[in-house]
Amino acid sequence: MQPKKRVLVLCTGNSCRSIMAEALINARLGDCVEAESSGVAASGQVNPEAKALLQHEGLWRDDYHSKTIDTVLDHPFDLVITVCDNAKETCPMFPKAVKTIHVGFEDPSGKAPEEYEKTLRLIEKELLPVVEKELCSEG
């Protein structure tokens, strides 16, 4: 059994999109991938709407929290995914060369609750297949 591949989902505030992506990846692709998330300018708070949605969907873990990039920079990752344009532009260089891809999503923060659900579904539809292809397929 091979060790799990590791993916980092990077955003600006690490309060909404990156947390949702981290939760989805761990829930749906947890057999082959372990996801973490962080923010280039982390807010230190998980968006309450995002958290409520993840809890409602059964995807929330109590160890999910908003954290800054420096807390994960020295962790080895197989893949880094930026989910917002700002993080893509300010993505730091990782000590170990790592593949970085960008799959952008609009920030639902401050919008109606259904916008959060729409974002979650988009992440599930657009991001999970990319992660699966990059990290879960053999060869």
C-alpha atoms as a PDB file:
ATOM      1  CA  MET A   1       0.000   0.000   0.000  1.00  0.00           C
ATOM      2  CA  GLN A   2       1.509   3.288  -1.107  1.00  0.00           C
ATOM      3  CA  PRO A   3       1.468   6.266   1.218  1.00  0.00           C
ATOM      4  CA  LYS A   4      -1.243   8.797   0.457  1.00  0.00           C
ATOM      5  CA  LYS A   5      -0.383  11.647  -1.859  1.00  0.00           C
ATOM      6  CA  ARG A   6      -0.638  15.090  -0.308  1.00  0.00           C
ATOM      7  CA  VAL A   7      -2.377  18.106  -1.808  1.00  0.00           C
ATOM      8  CA  LEU A   8      -2.458  21.680  -0.561  1.00  0.00           C
ATOM      9  CA  VAL A   9      -5.407  23.878  -1.504  1.00  0.00           C
ATOM     10  CA  LEU A  10      -4.352  27.506  -1.422  1.00  0.00           C
ATOM     11  CA  CYS A  11      -6.562  30.582  -1.304  1.00  0.00           C
ATOM     12  CA  THR A  12      -6.267  34.109   0.001  1.00  0.00           C
ATOM     13  CA  GLY A  13      -8.205  33.996   3.272  1.00  0.00           C
ATOM     14  CA  ASN A  14      -8.453  30.218   3.831  1.00  0.00           C
ATOM     15  CA  SER A  15     -11.960  30.732   5.169  1.00  0.00           C
ATOM     16  CA  CYS A  16     -14.275  29.384   2.498  1.00  0.00           C
ATOM     17  CA  ARG A  17     -13.279  27.927  -0.897  1.00  0.00           C
ATOM     18  CA  SER A  18     -10.035  26.270   0.172  1.00  0.00           C
ATOM     19  CA  ILE A  19     -11.676  24.800   3.295  1.00  0.00           C
ATOM     20  CA  MET A  20     -14.567  23.459   1.196  1.00  0.00           C
ATOM     21  CA  ALA A  21     -12.104  21.936  -1.267  1.00  0.00           C
ATOM     22  CA  GLU A  22     -10.021  20.409   1.544  1.00  0.00           C
ATOM     23  CA  ALA A  23     -13.148  18.833   3.069  1.00  0.00           C
ATOM     24  CA  LEU A  24     -14.416  17.506  -0.278  1.00  0.00           C
ATOM     25  CA  ILE A  25     -11.062  16.014  -1.277  1.00  0.00           C
ATOM     26  CA  ASN A  26     -10.650  14.300   2.096  1.00  0.00           C
ATOM     27  CA  ALA A  27     -14.211  12.978   2.043  1.00  0.00           C
ATOM     28  CA  ARG A  28     -14.330  11.794  -1.580  1.00  0.00           C
ATOM     29  CA  LEU A  29     -10.698  10.934  -2.398  1.00  0.00           C
ATOM     30  CA  GLY A  30      -9.432  10.080   1.082  1.00  0.00           C
ATOM     31  CA  ASP A  31      -8.296   6.623  -0.013  1.00  0.00           C
ATOM     32  CA  CYS A  32      -5.438   8.028  -2.052  1.00  0.00           C
ATOM     33  CA  VAL A  33      -5.109  11.714  -1.102  1.00  0.00           C
ATOM     34  CA  GLU A  34      -4.738  13.726   2.056  1.00  0.00           C
ATOM     35  CA  ALA A  35      -5.679  17.383   1.645  1.00  0.00           C
ATOM     36  CA  GLU A  36      -4.726  20.439   3.645  1.00  0.00           C
ATOM     37  CA  SER A  37      -5.591  24.049   3.000  1.00  0.00           C
ATOM     38  CA  SER A  38      -4.081  27.401   3.847  1.00  0.00           C
ATOM     39  CA  GLY A  39      -4.195  31.034   2.835  1.00  0.00           C
ATOM     40  CA  VAL A  40      -1.588  33.491   1.608  1.00  0.00           C
ATOM     41  CA  ALA A  41      -3.281  36.023   3.919  1.00  0.00           C
ATOM     42  CA  ALA A  42      -5.320  33.715   6.156  1.00  0.00           C
ATOM     43  CA  SER A  43      -8.238  35.302   7.945  1.00  0.00           C
ATOM     44  CA  GLY A  44      -7.924  33.004  10.952  1.00  0.00           C
ATOM     45  CA  GLN A  45     -11.670  32.318  10.724  1.00  0.00           C
ATOM     46  CA  VAL A  46     -13.664  29.706   8.873  1.00  0.00           C
ATOM     47  CA  ASN A  47     -16.605  31.364   7.149  1.00  0.00           C
ATOM     48  CA  PRO A  48     -19.677  30.410   9.243  1.00  0.00           C
ATOM     49  CA  GLU A  49     -21.836  29.786   6.131  1.00  0.00           C
ATOM     50  CA  ALA A  50     -19.179  27.488   4.646  1.00  0.00           C
ATOM     51  CA  LYS A  51     -18.804  25.624   7.938  1.00  0.00           C
ATOM     52  CA  ALA A  52     -22.586  25.214   8.318  1.00  0.00           C
ATOM     53  CA  LEU A  53     -22.846  23.845   4.776  1.00  0.00           C
ATOM     54  CA  LEU A  54     -19.984  21.385   5.324  1.00  0.00           C
ATOM     55  CA  GLN A  55     -21.573  20.244   8.588  1.00  0.00           C
ATOM     56  CA  HIS A  56     -24.925  19.831   6.835  1.00  0.00           C
ATOM     57  CA  GLU A  57     -23.258  17.767   4.086  1.00  0.00           C
ATOM     58  CA  GLY A  58     -21.429  15.608   6.642  1.00  0.00           C
ATOM     59  CA  LEU A  59     -18.032  16.816   5.391  1.00  0.00           C
ATOM     60  CA  TRP A  60     -16.887  18.895   8.378  1.00  0.00           C
ATOM     61  CA  ARG A  61     -14.032  17.826  10.657  1.00  0.00           C
ATOM     62  CA  ASP A  62     -13.233  19.695  13.846  1.00  0.00           C
ATOM     63  CA  ASP A  63      -9.576  19.973  12.887  1.00  0.00           C
ATOM     64  CA  TYR A  64     -10.388  22.166   9.860  1.00  0.00           C
ATOM     65  CA  HIS A  65      -9.303  25.719  10.544  1.00  0.00           C
ATOM     66  CA  SER A  66      -7.986  28.785   8.755  1.00  0.00           C
ATOM     67  CA  LYS A  67      -4.180  28.822   8.710  1.00  0.00           C
ATOM     68  CA  THR A  68      -1.416  30.814   7.103  1.00  0.00           C
ATOM     69  CA  ILE A  69       0.867  29.489   4.419  1.00  0.00           C
ATOM     70  CA  ASP A  70       3.953  29.564   6.660  1.00  0.00           C
ATOM     71  CA  THR A  71       2.434  26.810   8.826  1.00  0.00           C
ATOM     72  CA  VAL A  72       2.514  24.370   5.889  1.00  0.00           C
ATOM     73  CA  LEU A  73       5.460  25.579   3.788  1.00  0.00           C
ATOM     74  CA  ASP A  74       7.829  22.912   5.083  1.00  0.00           C
ATOM     75  CA  HIS A  75       5.332  20.053   4.623  1.00  0.00           C
ATOM     76  CA  PRO A  76       5.936  17.872   1.578  1.00  0.00           C
ATOM     77  CA  PHE A  77       3.132  18.139  -0.971  1.00  0.00           C
ATOM     78  CA  ASP A  78       2.666  16.282  -4.251  1.00  0.00           C
ATOM     79  CA  LEU A  79       0.397  18.988  -5.636  1.00  0.00           C
ATOM     80  CA  VAL A  80      -0.556  22.575  -4.821  1.00  0.00           C
ATOM     81  CA  ILE A  81      -3.858  23.927  -6.144  1.00  0.00           C
ATOM     82  CA  THR A  82      -4.755  27.602  -6.049  1.00  0.00           C
ATOM     83  CA  VAL A  83      -8.500  28.253  -6.046  1.00  0.00           C
ATOM     84  CA  CYS A  84      -8.521  32.042  -6.307  1.00  0.00           C
ATOM     85  CA  ASP A  85      -6.673  34.378  -8.650  1.00  0.00           C
ATOM     86  CA  ASN A  86      -4.985  36.332  -5.863  1.00  0.00           C
ATOM     87  CA  ALA A  87      -3.441  33.169  -4.397  1.00  0.00           C
ATOM     88  CA  LYS A  88      -2.272  32.167  -7.866  1.00  0.00           C
ATOM     89  CA  GLU A  89      -0.431  35.478  -8.253  1.00  0.00           C
ATOM     90  CA  THR A  90       1.064  35.432  -4.772  1.00  0.00           C
ATOM     91  CA  CYS A  91       1.708  31.698  -4.461  1.00  0.00           C
ATOM     92  CA  PRO A  92       5.026  31.322  -2.658  1.00  0.00           C
ATOM     93  CA  MET A  93       7.821  29.107  -3.849  1.00  0.00           C
ATOM     94  CA  PHE A  94       7.852  25.837  -1.980  1.00  0.00           C
ATOM     95  CA  PRO A  95      11.201  24.487  -0.728  1.00  0.00           C
ATOM     96  CA  LYS A  96      10.646  21.283  -2.685  1.00  0.00           C
ATOM     97  CA  ALA A  97       9.685  21.602  -6.323  1.00  0.00           C
ATOM     98  CA  VAL A  98       6.002  20.848  -6.503  1.00  0.00           C
ATOM     99  CA  LYS A  99       3.481  20.907  -9.302  1.00  0.00           C
ATOM    100  CA  THR A 100       1.097  23.841  -8.956  1.00  0.00           C
ATOM    101  CA  ILE A 101      -2.179  24.128 -10.826  1.00  0.00           C
ATOM    102  CA  HIS A 102      -4.932  26.725 -10.748  1.00  0.00           C
ATOM    103  CA  VAL A 103      -8.635  25.914 -10.692  1.00  0.00           C
ATOM    104  CA  GLY A 104     -10.405  29.154  -9.832  1.00  0.00           C
ATOM    105  CA  PHE A 105     -13.758  29.644  -8.130  1.00  0.00           C
ATOM    106  CA  GLU A 106     -15.667  32.800  -7.338  1.00  0.00           C
ATOM    107  CA  ASP A 107     -15.766  33.706  -3.659  1.00  0.00           C
ATOM    108  CA  PRO A 108     -19.282  33.234  -2.237  1.00  0.00           C
ATOM    109  CA  SER A 109     -18.408  35.148   0.962  1.00  0.00           C
ATOM    110  CA  GLY A 110     -21.074  37.651   1.899  1.00  0.00           C
ATOM    111  CA  LYS A 111     -23.535  36.247  -0.626  1.00  0.00           C
ATOM    112  CA  ALA A 112     -26.722  34.214  -0.184  1.00  0.00           C
ATOM    113  CA  PRO A 113     -26.413  30.705   1.327  1.00  0.00           C
ATOM    114  CA  GLU A 114     -27.254  29.067  -2.006  1.00  0.00           C
ATOM    115  CA  GLU A 115     -24.110  30.647  -3.499  1.00  0.00           C
ATOM    116  CA  TYR A 116     -22.021  28.598  -1.037  1.00  0.00           C
ATOM    117  CA  GLU A 117     -23.758  25.440  -2.138  1.00  0.00           C
ATOM    118  CA  LYS A 118     -23.230  26.379  -5.781  1.00  0.00           C
ATOM    119  CA  THR A 119     -19.501  26.865  -5.088  1.00  0.00           C
ATOM    120  CA  LEU A 120     -19.296  23.526  -3.244  1.00  0.00           C
ATOM    121  CA  ARG A 121     -20.907  21.729  -6.208  1.00  0.00           C
ATOM    122  CA  LEU A 122     -18.548  23.469  -8.643  1.00  0.00           C
ATOM    123  CA  ILE A 123     -15.526  22.449  -6.586  1.00  0.00           C
ATOM    124  CA  GLU A 124     -16.848  18.888  -6.527  1.00  0.00           C
ATOM    125  CA  LYS A 125     -17.459  18.880 -10.284  1.00  0.00           C
ATOM    126  CA  GLU A 126     -14.348  20.741 -11.475  1.00  0.00           C
ATOM    127  CA  LEU A 127     -11.649  20.219  -8.856  1.00  0.00           C
ATOM    128  CA  LEU A 128     -12.099  16.620  -7.690  1.00  0.00           C
ATOM    129  CA  PRO A 129     -11.548  15.090 -11.159  1.00  0.00           C
ATOM    130  CA  VAL A 130      -8.319  17.098 -11.506  1.00  0.00           C
ATOM    131  CA  VAL A 131      -7.002  15.913  -8.138  1.00  0.00           C
ATOM    132  CA  GLU A 132      -8.047  12.351  -8.893  1.00  0.00           C
ATOM    133  CA  LYS A 133      -6.332  12.421 -12.284  1.00  0.00           C
ATOM    134  CA  GLU A 134      -3.154  13.999 -10.880  1.00  0.00           C
ATOM    135  CA  LEU A 135      -2.787  11.931  -7.715  1.00  0.00           C
ATOM    136  CA  CYS A 136      -4.993   8.839  -7.724  1.00  0.00           C
ATOM    137  CA  SER A 137      -4.440   7.285 -11.136  1.00  0.00           C
ATOM    138  CA  GLU A 138      -1.667   4.791 -11.513  1.00  0.00           C
ATOM    139  CA  GLY A 139       1.009   5.626 -14.037  1.00  0.00           C
END
